[in-house]
Amino acid sequence: MTLLETLKEAQKDAMRAKAKLTLKTIRMALAAVKQREVDERIELNDTDVLAILTKMVKQRKESITLFKEAKRQDLVDIEEEEIVVLTRFLPQALTTEEINALIDEAMSATGATTMQDMGKVMGWLKPRVTGRADMGAVSGSIKAKLN
């Protein structure tokens, strides 16, 4: 079953369970997928849907930071609940050790030794860690190893 089909099944389950927040969050995700399909006139695969879900989680984390600064705990709670719903559809996150092992593998596979090779390493890693690790943290780890 594809990730999109899984989302649609979860939407039906949320309707049956009358879980309003879950249903709302899944509908937002499906709307984002549909919007991209319409805009680009393509049918998205699991990797594309995963990228959309990852982006949605990142947006919510950024919103939480802003809402905390504004002392809006009610909105923080909603965003955190939406993150919980969205992460159900993301693959298991990589540990720091797994990320470092992948970075070492990428560096040996691409022959990277200097900061000028950063793009090669990121290009090799991105399809392997999308949705499973924060690319900003991965980038920082790569820079530390290349320096």
N, C-alpha and C. Protein backbone atom coordinates (compact mmCIF):
# COMPACT_ATOMS: atom_id res chain seq x y z
N MET A 1 0.85 -1.17 0.00
CA MET A 1 0.00 0.00 0.00
C MET A 1 0.90 1.24 0.00
N THR A 2 0.60 2.18 -0.88
CA THR A 2 1.40 3.40 -0.95
C THR A 2 1.06 4.31 0.23
N LEU A 3 1.91 5.28 0.43
CA LEU A 3 1.71 6.23 1.53
C LEU A 3 0.43 7.04 1.33
N LEU A 4 0.15 7.38 0.09
CA LEU A 4 -1.08 8.12 -0.21
C LEU A 4 -2.32 7.27 0.12
N GLU A 5 -2.28 6.00 -0.23
CA GLU A 5 -3.39 5.10 0.11
C GLU A 5 -3.54 4.95 1.62
N THR A 6 -2.41 4.90 2.31
CA THR A 6 -2.42 4.80 3.77
C THR A 6 -3.08 6.04 4.37
N LEU A 7 -2.75 7.21 3.82
CA LEU A 7 -3.36 8.45 4.30
C LEU A 7 -4.88 8.44 4.08
N LYS A 8 -5.29 7.96 2.92
CA LYS A 8 -6.73 7.92 2.62
C LYS A 8 -7.47 6.95 3.54
N GLU A 9 -6.84 5.81 3.83
CA GLU A 9 -7.45 4.86 4.77
C GLU A 9 -7.53 5.45 6.17
N ALA A 10 -6.48 6.16 6.57
CA ALA A 10 -6.48 6.80 7.89
C ALA A 10 -7.56 7.88 7.97
N GLN A 11 -7.80 8.53 6.85
CA GLN A 11 -8.87 9.54 6.81
C GLN A 11 -10.22 8.87 7.06
N LYS A 12 -10.45 7.76 6.43
CA LYS A 12 -11.71 7.03 6.63
C LYS A 12 -11.85 6.57 8.07
N ASP A 13 -10.74 6.06 8.64
CA ASP A 13 -10.77 5.61 10.04
C ASP A 13 -11.06 6.77 10.98
N ALA A 14 -10.48 7.93 10.70
CA ALA A 14 -10.71 9.11 11.54
C ALA A 14 -12.16 9.57 11.44
N MET A 15 -12.74 9.45 10.25
CA MET A 15 -14.16 9.80 10.08
C MET A 15 -15.04 8.88 10.91
N ARG A 16 -14.73 7.58 10.83
CA ARG A 16 -15.54 6.61 11.59
C ARG A 16 -15.41 6.83 13.09
N ALA A 17 -14.21 7.19 13.53
CA ALA A 17 -13.95 7.38 14.96
C ALA A 17 -14.37 8.78 15.44
N LYS A 18 -14.76 9.63 14.49
CA LYS A 18 -15.13 11.01 14.79
C LYS A 18 -14.00 11.75 15.51
N ALA A 19 -12.77 11.48 15.07
CA ALA A 19 -11.58 12.15 15.62
C ALA A 19 -11.35 13.42 14.80
N LYS A 20 -11.88 14.52 15.27
CA LYS A 20 -11.88 15.77 14.49
C LYS A 20 -10.49 16.28 14.17
N LEU A 21 -9.61 16.35 15.16
CA LEU A 21 -8.27 16.89 14.91
C LEU A 21 -7.48 16.00 13.96
N THR A 22 -7.58 14.70 14.16
CA THR A 22 -6.88 13.75 13.28
C THR A 22 -7.40 13.89 11.85
N LEU A 23 -8.70 13.95 11.73
CA LEU A 23 -9.31 14.10 10.41
C LEU A 23 -8.88 15.40 9.74
N LYS A 24 -8.88 16.48 10.50
CA LYS A 24 -8.48 17.79 9.96
C LYS A 24 -7.02 17.74 9.48
N THR A 25 -6.16 17.14 10.27
CA THR A 25 -4.73 17.08 9.93
C THR A 25 -4.50 16.23 8.69
N ILE A 26 -5.16 15.09 8.62
CA ILE A 26 -5.00 14.22 7.45
C ILE A 26 -5.55 14.90 6.21
N ARG A 27 -6.67 15.59 6.34
CA ARG A 27 -7.22 16.33 5.20
C ARG A 27 -6.26 17.41 4.72
N MET A 28 -5.59 18.08 5.66
CA MET A 28 -4.59 19.09 5.26
C MET A 28 -3.46 18.44 4.47
N ALA A 29 -3.01 17.29 4.92
CA ALA A 29 -1.93 16.58 4.24
C ALA A 29 -2.37 16.14 2.84
N LEU A 30 -3.57 15.59 2.74
CA LEU A 30 -4.08 15.16 1.44
C LEU A 30 -4.28 16.36 0.50
N ALA A 31 -4.71 17.48 1.06
CA ALA A 31 -4.88 18.69 0.25
C ALA A 31 -3.54 19.18 -0.28
N ALA A 32 -2.50 19.11 0.55
CA ALA A 32 -1.17 19.53 0.11
C ALA A 32 -0.66 18.62 -1.00
N VAL A 33 -0.92 17.33 -0.87
CA VAL A 33 -0.52 16.37 -1.91
C VAL A 33 -1.27 16.68 -3.21
N LYS A 34 -2.57 16.85 -3.10
CA LYS A 34 -3.40 17.11 -4.29
C LYS A 34 -2.98 18.42 -4.96
N GLN A 35 -2.69 19.45 -4.13
CA GLN A 35 -2.27 20.74 -4.67
C GLN A 35 -0.99 20.60 -5.50
N ARG A 36 -0.04 19.84 -4.99
CA ARG A 36 1.21 19.65 -5.72
C ARG A 36 0.98 18.85 -7.00
N GLU A 37 0.10 17.83 -6.92
CA GLU A 37 -0.20 17.04 -8.12
C GLU A 37 -0.83 17.92 -9.20
N VAL A 38 -1.73 18.78 -8.80
CA VAL A 38 -2.40 19.66 -9.76
C VAL A 38 -1.43 20.70 -10.31
N ASP A 39 -0.64 21.30 -9.44
CA ASP A 39 0.31 22.33 -9.88
C ASP A 39 1.33 21.80 -10.86
N GLU A 40 1.86 20.62 -10.59
CA GLU A 40 2.93 20.06 -11.41
C GLU A 40 2.43 19.07 -12.45
N ARG A 41 1.14 18.77 -12.42
CA ARG A 41 0.52 17.84 -13.37
C ARG A 41 1.25 16.49 -13.38
N ILE A 42 1.50 15.96 -12.18
CA ILE A 42 2.15 14.66 -12.04
C ILE A 42 1.43 13.88 -10.95
N GLU A 43 1.71 12.59 -10.92
CA GLU A 43 1.21 11.77 -9.82
C GLU A 43 2.38 11.53 -8.87
N LEU A 44 2.20 11.88 -7.61
CA LEU A 44 3.29 11.81 -6.65
C LEU A 44 3.54 10.38 -6.19
N ASN A 45 4.82 10.07 -5.97
CA ASN A 45 5.18 8.77 -5.42
C ASN A 45 5.38 8.91 -3.91
N ASP A 46 5.74 7.82 -3.25
CA ASP A 46 5.89 7.83 -1.79
C ASP A 46 6.95 8.83 -1.33
N THR A 47 8.03 8.96 -2.09
CA THR A 47 9.10 9.89 -1.71
C THR A 47 8.59 11.32 -1.70
N ASP A 48 7.79 11.68 -2.71
CA ASP A 48 7.23 13.03 -2.80
C ASP A 48 6.25 13.29 -1.66
N VAL A 49 5.39 12.32 -1.38
CA VAL A 49 4.43 12.46 -0.28
C VAL A 49 5.17 12.57 1.05
N LEU A 50 6.22 11.79 1.20
CA LEU A 50 7.04 11.83 2.41
C LEU A 50 7.66 13.22 2.59
N ALA A 51 8.13 13.81 1.50
CA ALA A 51 8.72 15.14 1.57
C ALA A 51 7.67 16.18 2.00
N ILE A 52 6.46 16.03 1.51
CA ILE A 52 5.37 16.94 1.90
C ILE A 52 5.07 16.81 3.38
N LEU A 53 4.96 15.58 3.86
CA LEU A 53 4.67 15.35 5.29
C LEU A 53 5.79 15.88 6.17
N THR A 54 7.03 15.68 5.74
CA THR A 54 8.18 16.17 6.50
C THR A 54 8.14 17.69 6.58
N LYS A 55 7.81 18.31 5.46
CA LYS A 55 7.71 19.78 5.42
C LYS A 55 6.61 20.28 6.36
N MET A 56 5.50 19.57 6.39
CA MET A 56 4.39 19.96 7.26
C MET A 56 4.79 19.86 8.74
N VAL A 57 5.53 18.82 9.09
CA VAL A 57 5.99 18.67 10.47
C VAL A 57 6.95 19.81 10.81
N LYS A 58 7.84 20.12 9.90
CA LYS A 58 8.80 21.20 10.13
C LYS A 58 8.08 22.54 10.32
N GLN A 59 7.06 22.79 9.51
CA GLN A 59 6.29 24.03 9.63
C GLN A 59 5.62 24.11 11.00
N ARG A 60 5.10 23.01 11.47
CA ARG A 60 4.44 23.00 12.77
C ARG A 60 5.43 23.24 13.90
N LYS A 61 6.62 22.69 13.78
CA LYS A 61 7.64 22.91 14.80
C LYS A 61 8.03 24.39 14.85
N GLU A 62 8.13 25.02 13.68
CA GLU A 62 8.44 26.45 13.63
C GLU A 62 7.30 27.26 14.25
N SER A 63 6.07 26.85 13.96
CA SER A 63 4.90 27.55 14.53
C SER A 63 4.88 27.43 16.05
N ILE A 64 5.24 26.27 16.55
CA ILE A 64 5.26 26.06 18.01
C ILE A 64 6.22 27.05 18.66
N THR A 65 7.38 27.23 18.05
CA THR A 65 8.36 28.18 18.59
C THR A 65 7.75 29.58 18.67
N LEU A 66 7.09 30.00 17.60
CA LEU A 66 6.48 31.33 17.57
C LEU A 66 5.33 31.45 18.57
N PHE A 67 4.52 30.41 18.66
CA PHE A 67 3.39 30.46 19.59
C PHE A 67 3.86 30.48 21.05
N LYS A 68 4.96 29.80 21.33
CA LYS A 68 5.50 29.82 22.70
C LYS A 68 5.99 31.22 23.05
N GLU A 69 6.64 31.89 22.08
CA GLU A 69 7.09 33.26 22.31
C GLU A 69 5.92 34.19 22.58
N ALA A 70 4.80 33.92 21.91
CA ALA A 70 3.61 34.75 22.07
C ALA A 70 2.74 34.29 23.24
N LYS A 71 3.21 33.27 23.96
CA LYS A 71 2.48 32.73 25.12
C LYS A 71 1.07 32.27 24.74
N ARG A 72 0.98 31.53 23.63
CA ARG A 72 -0.30 30.99 23.17
C ARG A 72 -0.27 29.47 23.30
N GLN A 73 -0.40 29.00 24.52
CA GLN A 73 -0.31 27.57 24.79
C GLN A 73 -1.42 26.79 24.09
N ASP A 74 -2.59 27.40 23.91
CA ASP A 74 -3.69 26.72 23.23
C ASP A 74 -3.29 26.33 21.80
N LEU A 75 -2.60 27.25 21.11
CA LEU A 75 -2.17 26.97 19.74
C LEU A 75 -0.99 25.99 19.72
N VAL A 76 -0.13 26.07 20.72
CA VAL A 76 0.99 25.13 20.83
C VAL A 76 0.45 23.71 20.95
N ASP A 77 -0.57 23.53 21.77
CA ASP A 77 -1.16 22.20 21.97
C ASP A 77 -1.71 21.64 20.67
N ILE A 78 -2.40 22.46 19.91
CA ILE A 78 -2.98 22.02 18.63
C ILE A 78 -1.87 21.59 17.67
N GLU A 79 -0.82 22.43 17.56
CA GLU A 79 0.28 22.11 16.65
C GLU A 79 0.98 20.81 17.06
N GLU A 80 1.16 20.61 18.37
CA GLU A 80 1.81 19.39 18.84
C GLU A 80 0.96 18.16 18.53
N GLU A 81 -0.35 18.29 18.66
CA GLU A 81 -1.23 17.17 18.33
C GLU A 81 -1.18 16.86 16.83
N GLU A 82 -1.08 17.91 16.01
CA GLU A 82 -0.98 17.70 14.56
C GLU A 82 0.34 16.99 14.22
N ILE A 83 1.41 17.35 14.92
CA ILE A 83 2.70 16.69 14.69
C ILE A 83 2.59 15.20 15.00
N VAL A 84 1.91 14.88 16.09
CA VAL A 84 1.73 13.46 16.46
C VAL A 84 1.01 12.71 15.35
N VAL A 85 -0.03 13.32 14.79
CA VAL A 85 -0.79 12.68 13.71
C VAL A 85 0.10 12.50 12.49
N LEU A 86 0.82 13.53 12.10
CA LEU A 86 1.65 13.46 10.90
C LEU A 86 2.80 12.47 11.04
N THR A 87 3.39 12.40 12.22
CA THR A 87 4.54 11.49 12.38
C THR A 87 4.14 10.02 12.32
N ARG A 88 2.85 9.74 12.48
CA ARG A 88 2.39 8.35 12.31
C ARG A 88 2.69 7.83 10.91
N PHE A 89 2.78 8.73 9.94
CA PHE A 89 2.96 8.34 8.55
C PHE A 89 4.41 8.45 8.08
N LEU A 90 5.28 8.94 8.96
CA LEU A 90 6.70 9.06 8.62
C LEU A 90 7.45 7.81 9.06
N PRO A 91 8.53 7.46 8.37
CA PRO A 91 9.32 6.30 8.78
C PRO A 91 10.03 6.58 10.10
N GLN A 92 10.54 5.52 10.71
CA GLN A 92 11.26 5.63 11.98
C GLN A 92 12.46 6.55 11.80
N ALA A 93 12.65 7.48 12.73
CA ALA A 93 13.77 8.43 12.67
C ALA A 93 15.09 7.70 12.88
N LEU A 94 16.13 8.21 12.22
CA LEU A 94 17.47 7.63 12.36
C LEU A 94 18.12 8.14 13.64
N THR A 95 18.93 7.30 14.25
CA THR A 95 19.68 7.71 15.43
C THR A 95 20.92 8.48 14.97
N THR A 96 21.56 9.16 15.89
CA THR A 96 22.77 9.91 15.57
C THR A 96 23.86 8.99 15.03
N GLU A 97 23.96 7.80 15.60
CA GLU A 97 24.98 6.84 15.15
C GLU A 97 24.69 6.40 13.71
N GLU A 98 23.43 6.15 13.41
CA GLU A 98 23.06 5.73 12.05
C GLU A 98 23.34 6.85 11.05
N ILE A 99 23.05 8.08 11.45
CA ILE A 99 23.31 9.22 10.57
C ILE A 99 24.81 9.35 10.31
N ASN A 100 25.61 9.25 11.37
CA ASN A 100 27.06 9.35 11.21
C ASN A 100 27.61 8.23 10.33
N ALA A 101 27.06 7.03 10.47
CA ALA A 101 27.49 5.91 9.63
C ALA A 101 27.15 6.18 8.17
N LEU A 102 25.96 6.71 7.92
CA LEU A 102 25.57 7.05 6.55
C LEU A 102 26.45 8.16 5.98
N ILE A 103 26.81 9.15 6.80
CA ILE A 103 27.68 10.23 6.34
C ILE A 103 29.05 9.66 5.96
N ASP A 104 29.59 8.77 6.80
CA ASP A 104 30.88 8.14 6.49
C ASP A 104 30.80 7.34 5.18
N GLU A 105 29.71 6.62 5.02
CA GLU A 105 29.51 5.84 3.79
C GLU A 105 29.42 6.76 2.57
N ALA A 106 28.70 7.88 2.73
CA ALA A 106 28.55 8.84 1.63
C ALA A 106 29.90 9.46 1.27
N MET A 107 30.69 9.79 2.29
CA MET A 107 31.99 10.40 2.04
C MET A 107 32.92 9.44 1.30
N SER A 108 32.89 8.16 1.68
CA SER A 108 33.74 7.19 0.99
C SER A 108 33.21 6.91 -0.43
N ALA A 109 31.89 6.86 -0.59
CA ALA A 109 31.30 6.58 -1.90
C ALA A 109 31.55 7.71 -2.89
N THR A 110 31.54 8.95 -2.40
CA THR A 110 31.73 10.09 -3.29
C THR A 110 33.17 10.57 -3.33
N GLY A 111 34.01 10.07 -2.44
CA GLY A 111 35.41 10.49 -2.39
C GLY A 111 35.56 11.89 -1.82
N ALA A 112 34.63 12.31 -1.00
CA ALA A 112 34.63 13.67 -0.45
C ALA A 112 35.70 13.82 0.62
N THR A 113 36.45 14.92 0.52
CA THR A 113 37.49 15.20 1.51
C THR A 113 37.47 16.65 1.96
N THR A 114 36.91 17.55 1.17
CA THR A 114 36.91 18.98 1.51
C THR A 114 35.48 19.52 1.48
N MET A 115 35.34 20.75 1.95
CA MET A 115 34.02 21.39 1.96
C MET A 115 33.45 21.56 0.56
N GLN A 116 34.30 21.58 -0.44
CA GLN A 116 33.83 21.72 -1.82
C GLN A 116 33.05 20.49 -2.28
N ASP A 117 33.21 19.39 -1.57
CA ASP A 117 32.51 18.14 -1.90
C ASP A 117 31.19 18.00 -1.15
N MET A 118 30.80 19.02 -0.40
CA MET A 118 29.59 18.98 0.42
C MET A 118 28.35 18.64 -0.43
N GLY A 119 28.23 19.23 -1.60
CA GLY A 119 27.09 18.97 -2.47
C GLY A 119 26.97 17.52 -2.90
N LYS A 120 28.11 16.91 -3.18
CA LYS A 120 28.12 15.49 -3.57
C LYS A 120 27.59 14.62 -2.44
N VAL A 121 28.08 14.91 -1.22
CA VAL A 121 27.69 14.12 -0.06
C VAL A 121 26.19 14.30 0.22
N MET A 122 25.72 15.55 0.17
CA MET A 122 24.30 15.83 0.41
C MET A 122 23.43 15.15 -0.66
N GLY A 123 23.88 15.20 -1.91
CA GLY A 123 23.14 14.55 -2.99
C GLY A 123 23.03 13.05 -2.79
N TRP A 124 24.09 12.44 -2.29
CA TRP A 124 24.09 11.00 -2.04
C TRP A 124 23.19 10.66 -0.86
N LEU A 125 23.22 11.51 0.18
CA LEU A 125 22.49 11.23 1.41
C LEU A 125 20.99 11.52 1.33
N LYS A 126 20.62 12.58 0.64
CA LYS A 126 19.24 13.07 0.69
C LYS A 126 18.19 11.99 0.44
N PRO A 127 18.30 11.18 -0.61
CA PRO A 127 17.25 10.17 -0.81
C PRO A 127 17.22 9.09 0.28
N ARG A 128 18.32 8.92 0.97
CA ARG A 128 18.40 7.88 2.00
C ARG A 128 17.89 8.33 3.37
N VAL A 129 17.87 9.65 3.61
CA VAL A 129 17.47 10.13 4.93
C VAL A 129 16.22 11.01 4.92
N THR A 130 15.64 11.27 3.76
CA THR A 130 14.46 12.12 3.68
C THR A 130 13.35 11.55 4.55
N GLY A 131 12.85 12.40 5.43
CA GLY A 131 11.78 12.01 6.33
C GLY A 131 12.24 11.24 7.55
N ARG A 132 13.52 10.90 7.59
CA ARG A 132 14.03 10.11 8.70
C ARG A 132 15.03 10.88 9.55
N ALA A 133 15.43 12.08 9.06
CA ALA A 133 16.39 12.90 9.81
C ALA A 133 16.22 14.35 9.39
N ASP A 134 16.57 15.26 10.29
CA ASP A 134 16.54 16.69 10.01
C ASP A 134 17.73 17.02 9.12
N MET A 135 17.46 17.50 7.91
CA MET A 135 18.54 17.76 6.97
C MET A 135 19.49 18.85 7.47
N GLY A 136 19.00 19.78 8.27
CA GLY A 136 19.86 20.81 8.84
C GLY A 136 20.90 20.21 9.77
N ALA A 137 20.48 19.27 10.60
CA ALA A 137 21.41 18.60 11.51
C ALA A 137 22.39 17.72 10.73
N VAL A 138 21.90 17.07 9.69
CA VAL A 138 22.76 16.23 8.85
C VAL A 138 23.82 17.10 8.19
N SER A 139 23.40 18.24 7.68
CA SER A 139 24.32 19.18 7.04
C SER A 139 25.41 19.63 8.01
N GLY A 140 25.02 19.94 9.24
CA GLY A 140 25.99 20.34 10.25
C GLY A 140 27.00 19.25 10.55
N SER A 141 26.54 18.01 10.61
CA SER A 141 27.43 16.88 10.86
C SER A 141 28.41 16.68 9.70
N ILE A 142 27.92 16.87 8.49
CA ILE A 142 28.80 16.73 7.32
C ILE A 142 29.88 17.80 7.35
N LYS A 143 29.47 19.04 7.65
CA LYS A 143 30.46 20.14 7.71
C LYS A 143 31.52 19.85 8.75
N ALA A 144 31.11 19.32 9.90
CA ALA A 144 32.06 19.02 10.97
C ALA A 144 33.06 17.95 10.51
N LYS A 145 32.59 16.97 9.76
CA LYS A 145 33.49 15.89 9.31
C LYS A 145 34.40 16.35 8.18
N LEU A 146 33.91 17.28 7.33
CA LEU A 146 34.72 17.73 6.20
C LEU A 146 35.74 18.78 6.60
N ASN A 147 35.56 19.42 7.73
CA ASN A 147 36.53 20.44 8.17
C ASN A 147 37.68 19.82 8.91
